[in-house]
Amino acid sequence: MSQELIIEIATQTLYFTMIISAPILLTGLLIGVILSILQSIVQIKEMTLTFIPKILAVMFILLYSISWMINKFIEYFNYLMNIMTNLR
């Protein structure tokens, strides 16, 4: 196994990890920022108010995009299997 192949596998692993986790992380980030702005506008200092909307939004996005995430994971798995079969 050459260094170039190992670097390519590591690069693809990081790429697929970022792509698969992006919808959930970006949803949590956007909801958090929006709720923080709303809390500072109305001057509510309660930190627990952000958890329920974030959890609901992340659950909704997860339910909405789980099939896409599974397809991306299968694509990554096929990529790894193609590399493994080409090594022999």
PDB file of N, CA and C in Angstrom:
ATOM      1  N   MET A   1       0.856  -1.175   0.000  1.00  0.00           N
ATOM      2  CA  MET A   1       0.000   0.000   0.000  1.00  0.00           C
ATOM      3  C   MET A   1       0.900   1.235   0.000  1.00  0.00           C
ATOM      4  N   SER A   2       0.731   2.082  -0.978  1.00  0.00           N
ATOM      5  CA  SER A   2       1.592   3.255  -1.111  1.00  0.00           C
ATOM      6  C   SER A   2       1.072   4.414  -0.258  1.00  0.00           C
ATOM      7  N   GLN A   3       1.950   5.380  -0.076  1.00  0.00           N
ATOM      8  CA  GLN A   3       1.571   6.564   0.701  1.00  0.00           C
ATOM      9  C   GLN A   3       0.472   7.363   0.004  1.00  0.00           C
ATOM     10  N   GLU A   4       0.517   7.404  -1.309  1.00  0.00           N
ATOM     11  CA  GLU A   4      -0.501   8.149  -2.061  1.00  0.00           C
ATOM     12  C   GLU A   4      -1.880   7.538  -1.855  1.00  0.00           C
ATOM     13  N   LEU A   5      -1.937   6.208  -1.828  1.00  0.00           N
ATOM     14  CA  LEU A   5      -3.212   5.532  -1.615  1.00  0.00           C
ATOM     15  C   LEU A   5      -3.754   5.790  -0.216  1.00  0.00           C
ATOM     16  N   ILE A   6      -2.864   5.761   0.756  1.00  0.00           N
ATOM     17  CA  ILE A   6      -3.288   6.025   2.137  1.00  0.00           C
ATOM     18  C   ILE A   6      -3.784   7.460   2.278  1.00  0.00           C
ATOM     19  N   ILE A   7      -3.100   8.395   1.653  1.00  0.00           N
ATOM     20  CA  ILE A   7      -3.533   9.801   1.700  1.00  0.00           C
ATOM     21  C   ILE A   7      -4.863   9.978   0.985  1.00  0.00           C
ATOM     22  N   GLU A   8      -5.046   9.283  -0.144  1.00  0.00           N
ATOM     23  CA  GLU A   8      -6.321   9.364  -0.862  1.00  0.00           C
ATOM     24  C   GLU A   8      -7.464   8.795  -0.027  1.00  0.00           C
ATOM     25  N   ILE A   9      -7.242   7.664   0.628  1.00  0.00           N
ATOM     26  CA  ILE A   9      -8.281   7.074   1.475  1.00  0.00           C
ATOM     27  C   ILE A   9      -8.608   8.002   2.640  1.00  0.00           C
ATOM     28  N   ALA A  10      -7.589   8.581   3.261  1.00  0.00           N
ATOM     29  CA  ALA A  10      -7.824   9.509   4.379  1.00  0.00           C
ATOM     30  C   ALA A  10      -8.575  10.750   3.913  1.00  0.00           C
ATOM     31  N   THR A  11      -8.227  11.252   2.747  1.00  0.00           N
ATOM     32  CA  THR A  11      -8.906  12.428   2.201  1.00  0.00           C
ATOM     33  C   THR A  11     -10.373  12.124   1.918  1.00  0.00           C
ATOM     34  N   GLN A  12     -10.637  10.984   1.289  1.00  0.00           N
ATOM     35  CA  GLN A  12     -12.019  10.609   0.995  1.00  0.00           C
ATOM     36  C   GLN A  12     -12.811  10.349   2.277  1.00  0.00           C
ATOM     37  N   THR A  13     -12.153   9.777   3.282  1.00  0.00           N
ATOM     38  CA  THR A  13     -12.828   9.544   4.559  1.00  0.00           C
ATOM     39  C   THR A  13     -13.250  10.866   5.193  1.00  0.00           C
ATOM     40  N   LEU A  14     -12.355  11.837   5.224  1.00  0.00           N
ATOM     41  CA  LEU A  14     -12.700  13.149   5.781  1.00  0.00           C
ATOM     42  C   LEU A  14     -13.779  13.842   4.956  1.00  0.00           C
ATOM     43  N   TYR A  15     -13.697  13.716   3.628  1.00  0.00           N
ATOM     44  CA  TYR A  15     -14.697  14.323   2.755  1.00  0.00           C
ATOM     45  C   TYR A  15     -16.085  13.752   3.035  1.00  0.00           C
ATOM     46  N   PHE A  16     -16.194  12.426   3.063  1.00  0.00           N
ATOM     47  CA  PHE A  16     -17.503  11.811   3.291  1.00  0.00           C
ATOM     48  C   PHE A  16     -18.013  12.089   4.708  1.00  0.00           C
ATOM     49  N   THR A  17     -17.106  12.164   5.673  1.00  0.00           N
ATOM     50  CA  THR A  17     -17.520  12.501   7.035  1.00  0.00           C
ATOM     51  C   THR A  17     -18.111  13.900   7.085  1.00  0.00           C
ATOM     52  N   MET A  18     -17.468  14.851   6.421  1.00  0.00           N
ATOM     53  CA  MET A  18     -17.989  16.222   6.404  1.00  0.00           C
ATOM     54  C   MET A  18     -19.315  16.297   5.667  1.00  0.00           C
ATOM     55  N   ILE A  19     -19.424  15.612   4.541  1.00  0.00           N
ATOM     56  CA  ILE A  19     -20.657  15.657   3.752  1.00  0.00           C
ATOM     57  C   ILE A  19     -21.822  15.031   4.515  1.00  0.00           C
ATOM     58  N   ILE A  20     -21.574  13.893   5.159  1.00  0.00           N
ATOM     59  CA  ILE A  20     -22.660  13.199   5.856  1.00  0.00           C
ATOM     60  C   ILE A  20     -23.106  13.963   7.096  1.00  0.00           C
ATOM     61  N   SER A  21     -22.167  14.579   7.806  1.00  0.00           N
ATOM     62  CA  SER A  21     -22.535  15.260   9.050  1.00  0.00           C
ATOM     63  C   SER A  21     -22.966  16.719   8.851  1.00  0.00           C
ATOM     64  N   ALA A  22     -22.749  17.267   7.678  1.00  0.00           N
ATOM     65  CA  ALA A  22     -23.039  18.682   7.437  1.00  0.00           C
ATOM     66  C   ALA A  22     -24.497  19.091   7.680  1.00  0.00           C
ATOM     67  N   PRO A  23     -25.500  18.357   7.198  1.00  0.00           N
ATOM     68  CA  PRO A  23     -26.879  18.827   7.419  1.00  0.00           C
ATOM     69  C   PRO A  23     -27.244  18.952   8.905  1.00  0.00           C
ATOM     70  N   ILE A  24     -26.827  17.999   9.706  1.00  0.00           N
ATOM     71  CA  ILE A  24     -27.167  18.039  11.124  1.00  0.00           C
ATOM     72  C   ILE A  24     -26.403  19.146  11.835  1.00  0.00           C
ATOM     73  N   LEU A  25     -25.103  19.255  11.557  1.00  0.00           N
ATOM     74  CA  LEU A  25     -24.303  20.276  12.229  1.00  0.00           C
ATOM     75  C   LEU A  25     -24.720  21.688  11.826  1.00  0.00           C
ATOM     76  N   LEU A  26     -24.989  21.887  10.548  1.00  0.00           N
ATOM     77  CA  LEU A  26     -25.406  23.222  10.100  1.00  0.00           C
ATOM     78  C   LEU A  26     -26.780  23.602  10.649  1.00  0.00           C
ATOM     79  N   THR A  27     -27.667  22.625  10.771  1.00  0.00           N
ATOM     80  CA  THR A  27     -28.982  22.894  11.360  1.00  0.00           C
ATOM     81  C   THR A  27     -28.845  23.329  12.807  1.00  0.00           C
ATOM     82  N   GLY A  28     -28.053  22.595  13.571  1.00  0.00           N
ATOM     83  CA  GLY A  28     -27.828  22.969  14.969  1.00  0.00           C
ATOM     84  C   GLY A  28     -27.186  24.337  15.098  1.00  0.00           C
ATOM     85  N   LEU A  29     -26.247  24.635  14.206  1.00  0.00           N
ATOM     86  CA  LEU A  29     -25.590  25.935  14.231  1.00  0.00           C
ATOM     87  C   LEU A  29     -26.563  27.066  13.907  1.00  0.00           C
ATOM     88  N   LEU A  30     -27.337  26.905  12.842  1.00  0.00           N
ATOM     89  CA  LEU A  30     -28.263  27.968  12.443  1.00  0.00           C
ATOM     90  C   LEU A  30     -29.352  28.207  13.489  1.00  0.00           C
ATOM     91  N   ILE A  31     -29.926  27.130  14.013  1.00  0.00           N
ATOM     92  CA  ILE A  31     -30.964  27.284  15.034  1.00  0.00           C
ATOM     93  C   ILE A  31     -30.380  27.930  16.280  1.00  0.00           C
ATOM     94  N   GLY A  32     -29.166  27.536  16.656  1.00  0.00           N
ATOM     95  CA  GLY A  32     -28.513  28.129  17.820  1.00  0.00           C
ATOM     96  C   GLY A  32     -28.270  29.621  17.661  1.00  0.00           C
ATOM     97  N   VAL A  33     -27.799  30.018  16.487  1.00  0.00           N
ATOM     98  CA  VAL A  33     -27.535  31.442  16.237  1.00  0.00           C
ATOM     99  C   VAL A  33     -28.841  32.237  16.226  1.00  0.00           C
ATOM    100  N   ILE A  34     -29.852  31.711  15.557  1.00  0.00           N
ATOM    101  CA  ILE A  34     -31.142  32.416  15.494  1.00  0.00           C
ATOM    102  C   ILE A  34     -31.744  32.565  16.885  1.00  0.00           C
ATOM    103  N   LEU A  35     -31.711  31.498  17.660  1.00  0.00           N
ATOM    104  CA  LEU A  35     -32.280  31.578  19.014  1.00  0.00           C
ATOM    105  C   LEU A  35     -31.461  32.485  19.920  1.00  0.00           C
ATOM    106  N   SER A  36     -30.155  32.517  19.749  1.00  0.00           N
ATOM    107  CA  SER A  36     -29.323  33.414  20.549  1.00  0.00           C
ATOM    108  C   SER A  36     -29.631  34.876  20.226  1.00  0.00           C
ATOM    109  N   ILE A  37     -29.839  35.155  18.943  1.00  0.00           N
ATOM    110  CA  ILE A  37     -30.192  36.529  18.561  1.00  0.00           C
ATOM    111  C   ILE A  37     -31.558  36.901  19.141  1.00  0.00           C
ATOM    112  N   LEU A  38     -32.519  35.982  19.042  1.00  0.00           N
ATOM    113  CA  LEU A  38     -33.841  36.253  19.614  1.00  0.00           C
ATOM    114  C   LEU A  38     -33.779  36.440  21.127  1.00  0.00           C
ATOM    115  N   GLN A  39     -32.964  35.646  21.803  1.00  0.00           N
ATOM    116  CA  GLN A  39     -32.844  35.791  23.258  1.00  0.00           C
ATOM    117  C   GLN A  39     -32.209  37.119  23.627  1.00  0.00           C
ATOM    118  N   SER A  40     -31.236  37.580  22.844  1.00  0.00           N
ATOM    119  CA  SER A  40     -30.648  38.870  23.176  1.00  0.00           C
ATOM    120  C   SER A  40     -31.577  40.025  22.833  1.00  0.00           C
ATOM    121  N   ILE A  41     -32.442  39.842  21.840  1.00  0.00           N
ATOM    122  CA  ILE A  41     -33.404  40.900  21.511  1.00  0.00           C
ATOM    123  C   ILE A  41     -34.431  41.059  22.637  1.00  0.00           C
ATOM    124  N   VAL A  42     -34.966  39.931  23.114  1.00  0.00           N
ATOM    125  CA  VAL A  42     -35.986  40.009  24.158  1.00  0.00           C
ATOM    126  C   VAL A  42     -35.393  39.933  25.565  1.00  0.00           C
ATOM    127  N   GLN A  43     -34.063  39.848  25.650  1.00  0.00           N
ATOM    128  CA  GLN A  43     -33.307  39.860  26.907  1.00  0.00           C
ATOM    129  C   GLN A  43     -33.729  38.751  27.866  1.00  0.00           C
ATOM    130  N   ILE A  44     -33.871  37.560  27.327  1.00  0.00           N
ATOM    131  CA  ILE A  44     -34.114  36.380  28.152  1.00  0.00           C
ATOM    132  C   ILE A  44     -32.764  35.710  28.385  1.00  0.00           C
ATOM    133  N   LYS A  45     -32.426  35.467  29.627  1.00  0.00           N
ATOM    134  CA  LYS A  45     -31.115  34.914  29.949  1.00  0.00           C
ATOM    135  C   LYS A  45     -31.167  33.407  30.234  1.00  0.00           C
ATOM    136  N   GLU A  46     -32.229  32.738  29.867  1.00  0.00           N
ATOM    137  CA  GLU A  46     -32.385  31.311  30.145  1.00  0.00           C
ATOM    138  C   GLU A  46     -31.660  30.495  29.069  1.00  0.00           C
ATOM    139  N   MET A  47     -30.685  29.695  29.489  1.00  0.00           N
ATOM    140  CA  MET A  47     -29.891  28.922  28.544  1.00  0.00           C
ATOM    141  C   MET A  47     -30.608  27.654  28.060  1.00  0.00           C
ATOM    142  N   THR A  48     -31.561  27.163  28.831  1.00  0.00           N
ATOM    143  CA  THR A  48     -32.216  25.915  28.463  1.00  0.00           C
ATOM    144  C   THR A  48     -33.271  26.090  27.374  1.00  0.00           C
ATOM    145  N   LEU A  49     -33.620  27.310  27.022  1.00  0.00           N
ATOM    146  CA  LEU A  49     -34.624  27.536  25.982  1.00  0.00           C
ATOM    147  C   LEU A  49     -34.148  27.127  24.588  1.00  0.00           C
ATOM    148  N   THR A  50     -32.858  27.014  24.411  1.00  0.00           N
ATOM    149  CA  THR A  50     -32.347  26.669  23.079  1.00  0.00           C
ATOM    150  C   THR A  50     -32.341  25.170  22.815  1.00  0.00           C
ATOM    151  N   PHE A  51     -32.411  24.356  23.846  1.00  0.00           N
ATOM    152  CA  PHE A  51     -32.248  22.923  23.644  1.00  0.00           C
ATOM    153  C   PHE A  51     -33.420  22.279  22.898  1.00  0.00           C
ATOM    154  N   ILE A  52     -34.649  22.580  23.280  1.00  0.00           N
ATOM    155  CA  ILE A  52     -35.811  21.931  22.656  1.00  0.00           C
ATOM    156  C   ILE A  52     -35.917  22.278  21.170  1.00  0.00           C
ATOM    157  N   PRO A  53     -35.827  23.545  20.759  1.00  0.00           N
ATOM    158  CA  PRO A  53     -35.887  23.827  19.316  1.00  0.00           C
ATOM    159  C   PRO A  53     -34.740  23.189  18.533  1.00  0.00           C
ATOM    160  N   LYS A  54     -33.532  23.170  19.133  1.00  0.00           N
ATOM    161  CA  LYS A  54     -32.404  22.540  18.455  1.00  0.00           C
ATOM    162  C   LYS A  54     -32.630  21.048  18.279  1.00  0.00           C
ATOM    163  N   ILE A  55     -33.083  20.388  19.325  1.00  0.00           N
ATOM    164  CA  ILE A  55     -33.312  18.946  19.252  1.00  0.00           C
ATOM    165  C   ILE A  55     -34.390  18.630  18.224  1.00  0.00           C
ATOM    166  N   LEU A  56     -35.472  19.397  18.238  1.00  0.00           N
ATOM    167  CA  LEU A  56     -36.542  19.148  17.267  1.00  0.00           C
ATOM    168  C   LEU A  56     -36.084  19.392  15.831  1.00  0.00           C
ATOM    169  N   ALA A  57     -35.324  20.455  15.614  1.00  0.00           N
ATOM    170  CA  ALA A  57     -34.837  20.755  14.268  1.00  0.00           C
ATOM    171  C   ALA A  57     -33.866  19.687  13.781  1.00  0.00           C
ATOM    172  N   VAL A  58     -32.969  19.256  14.655  1.00  0.00           N
ATOM    173  CA  VAL A  58     -32.009  18.227  14.263  1.00  0.00           C
ATOM    174  C   VAL A  58     -32.724  16.906  13.990  1.00  0.00           C
ATOM    175  N   MET A  59     -33.720  16.562  14.801  1.00  0.00           N
ATOM    176  CA  MET A  59     -34.481  15.339  14.554  1.00  0.00           C
ATOM    177  C   MET A  59     -35.213  15.401  13.217  1.00  0.00           C
ATOM    178  N   PHE A  60     -35.807  16.560  12.911  1.00  0.00           N
ATOM    179  CA  PHE A  60     -36.513  16.728  11.642  1.00  0.00           C
ATOM    180  C   PHE A  60     -35.556  16.583  10.460  1.00  0.00           C
ATOM    181  N   ILE A  61     -34.405  17.229  10.538  1.00  0.00           N
ATOM    182  CA  ILE A  61     -33.419  17.151   9.459  1.00  0.00           C
ATOM    183  C   ILE A  61     -32.880  15.728   9.335  1.00  0.00           C
ATOM    184  N   LEU A  62     -32.682  15.062  10.463  1.00  0.00           N
ATOM    185  CA  LEU A  62     -32.207  13.680  10.418  1.00  0.00           C
ATOM    186  C   LEU A  62     -33.227  12.770   9.753  1.00  0.00           C
ATOM    187  N   LEU A  63     -34.492  12.934  10.103  1.00  0.00           N
ATOM    188  CA  LEU A  63     -35.533  12.129   9.468  1.00  0.00           C
ATOM    189  C   LEU A  63     -35.659  12.438   7.981  1.00  0.00           C
ATOM    190  N   TYR A  64     -35.478  13.698   7.631  1.00  0.00           N
ATOM    191  CA  TYR A  64     -35.608  14.122   6.247  1.00  0.00           C
ATOM    192  C   TYR A  64     -34.437  13.643   5.379  1.00  0.00           C
ATOM    193  N   SER A  65     -33.226  13.602   5.954  1.00  0.00           N
ATOM    194  CA  SER A  65     -32.041  13.330   5.144  1.00  0.00           C
ATOM    195  C   SER A  65     -31.377  11.983   5.434  1.00  0.00           C
ATOM    196  N   ILE A  66     -32.011  11.107   6.193  1.00  0.00           N
ATOM    197  CA  ILE A  66     -31.373   9.839   6.544  1.00  0.00           C
ATOM    198  C   ILE A  66     -31.149   8.960   5.318  1.00  0.00           C
ATOM    199  N   SER A  67     -32.062   8.967   4.365  1.00  0.00           N
ATOM    200  CA  SER A  67     -31.866   8.131   3.170  1.00  0.00           C
ATOM    201  C   SER A  67     -30.693   8.650   2.342  1.00  0.00           C
ATOM    202  N   TRP A  68     -30.552   9.957   2.248  1.00  0.00           N
ATOM    203  CA  TRP A  68     -29.423  10.543   1.528  1.00  0.00           C
ATOM    204  C   TRP A  68     -28.111  10.191   2.226  1.00  0.00           C
ATOM    205  N   MET A  69     -28.117  10.243   3.566  1.00  0.00           N
ATOM    206  CA  MET A  69     -26.913   9.902   4.320  1.00  0.00           C
ATOM    207  C   MET A  69     -26.530   8.437   4.129  1.00  0.00           C
ATOM    208  N   ILE A  70     -27.513   7.566   4.125  1.00  0.00           N
ATOM    209  CA  ILE A  70     -27.243   6.142   3.912  1.00  0.00           C
ATOM    210  C   ILE A  70     -26.689   5.913   2.510  1.00  0.00           C
ATOM    211  N   ASN A  71     -27.235   6.613   1.520  1.00  0.00           N
ATOM    212  CA  ASN A  71     -26.719   6.485   0.147  1.00  0.00           C
ATOM    213  C   ASN A  71     -25.274   6.962   0.051  1.00  0.00           C
ATOM    214  N   LYS A  72     -24.940   8.046   0.740  1.00  0.00           N
ATOM    215  CA  LYS A  72     -23.558   8.535   0.758  1.00  0.00           C
ATOM    216  C   LYS A  72     -22.636   7.531   1.437  1.00  0.00           C
ATOM    217  N   PHE A  73     -23.111   6.925   2.525  1.00  0.00           N
ATOM    218  CA  PHE A  73     -22.306   5.930   3.218  1.00  0.00           C
ATOM    219  C   PHE A  73     -22.082   4.706   2.330  1.00  0.00           C
ATOM    220  N   ILE A  74     -23.091   4.283   1.597  1.00  0.00           N
ATOM    221  CA  ILE A  74     -22.947   3.160   0.672  1.00  0.00           C
ATOM    222  C   ILE A  74     -21.963   3.519  -0.447  1.00  0.00           C
ATOM    223  N   GLU A  75     -22.034   4.749  -0.919  1.00  0.00           N
ATOM    224  CA  GLU A  75     -21.086   5.208  -1.939  1.00  0.00           C
ATOM    225  C   GLU A  75     -19.650   5.141  -1.417  1.00  0.00           C
ATOM    226  N   TYR A  76     -19.446   5.550  -0.172  1.00  0.00           N
ATOM    227  CA  TYR A  76     -18.116   5.480   0.442  1.00  0.00           C
ATOM    228  C   TYR A  76     -17.670   4.026   0.617  1.00  0.00           C
ATOM    229  N   PHE A  77     -18.573   3.175   1.049  1.00  0.00           N
ATOM    230  CA  PHE A  77     -18.252   1.761   1.216  1.00  0.00           C
ATOM    231  C   PHE A  77     -17.858   1.133  -0.114  1.00  0.00           C
ATOM    232  N   ASN A  78     -18.593   1.452  -1.176  1.00  0.00           N
ATOM    233  CA  ASN A  78     -18.255   0.939  -2.508  1.00  0.00           C
ATOM    234  C   ASN A  78     -16.891   1.450  -2.967  1.00  0.00           C
ATOM    235  N   TYR A  79     -16.586   2.698  -2.647  1.00  0.00           N
ATOM    236  CA  TYR A  79     -15.273   3.270  -2.965  1.00  0.00           C
ATOM    237  C   TYR A  79     -14.174   2.468  -2.271  1.00  0.00           C
ATOM    238  N   LEU A  80     -14.358   2.174  -0.996  1.00  0.00           N
ATOM    239  CA  LEU A  80     -13.352   1.397  -0.267  1.00  0.00           C
ATOM    240  C   LEU A  80     -13.226  -0.018  -0.823  1.00  0.00           C
ATOM    241  N   MET A  81     -14.338  -0.644  -1.148  1.00  0.00           N
ATOM    242  CA  MET A  81     -14.281  -2.007  -1.684  1.00  0.00           C
ATOM    243  C   MET A  81     -13.599  -2.036  -3.055  1.00  0.00           C
ATOM    244  N   ASN A  82     -13.811  -1.018  -3.875  1.00  0.00           N
ATOM    245  CA  ASN A  82     -13.125  -0.942  -5.169  1.00  0.00           C
ATOM    246  C   ASN A  82     -11.621  -0.807  -4.983  1.00  0.00           C
ATOM    247  N   ILE A  83     -11.206  -0.027  -4.002  1.00  0.00           N
ATOM    248  CA  ILE A  83      -9.769   0.114  -3.733  1.00  0.00           C
ATOM    249  C   ILE A  83      -9.206  -1.210  -3.233  1.00  0.00           C
ATOM    250  N   MET A  84      -9.906  -1.882  -2.351  1.00  0.00           N
ATOM    251  CA  MET A  84      -9.415  -3.143  -1.797  1.00  0.00           C
ATOM    252  C   MET A  84      -9.308  -4.230  -2.874  1.00  0.00           C
ATOM    253  N   THR A  85     -10.261  -4.263  -3.792  1.00  0.00           N
ATOM    254  CA  THR A  85     -10.203  -5.283  -4.845  1.00  0.00           C
ATOM    255  C   THR A  85      -9.116  -4.967  -5.861  1.00  0.00           C
ATOM    256  N   ASN A  86      -8.777  -3.696  -6.048  1.00  0.00           N
ATOM    257  CA  ASN A  86      -7.720  -3.331  -6.992  1.00  0.00           C
ATOM    258  C   ASN A  86      -6.339  -3.569  -6.413  1.00  0.00           C
ATOM    259  N   LEU A  87      -6.214  -3.761  -5.110  1.00  0.00           N
ATOM    260  CA  LEU A  87      -4.907  -4.013  -4.504  1.00  0.00           C
ATOM    261  C   LEU A  87      -4.412  -5.416  -4.800  1.00  0.00           C
ATOM    262  N   ARG A  88      -5.299  -6.344  -5.017  1.00  0.00           N
ATOM    263  CA  ARG A  88      -4.887  -7.755  -5.221  1.00  0.00           C
ATOM    264  C   ARG A  88      -4.367  -8.007  -6.579  1.00  0.00           C
TER     265      ARG A  88
END
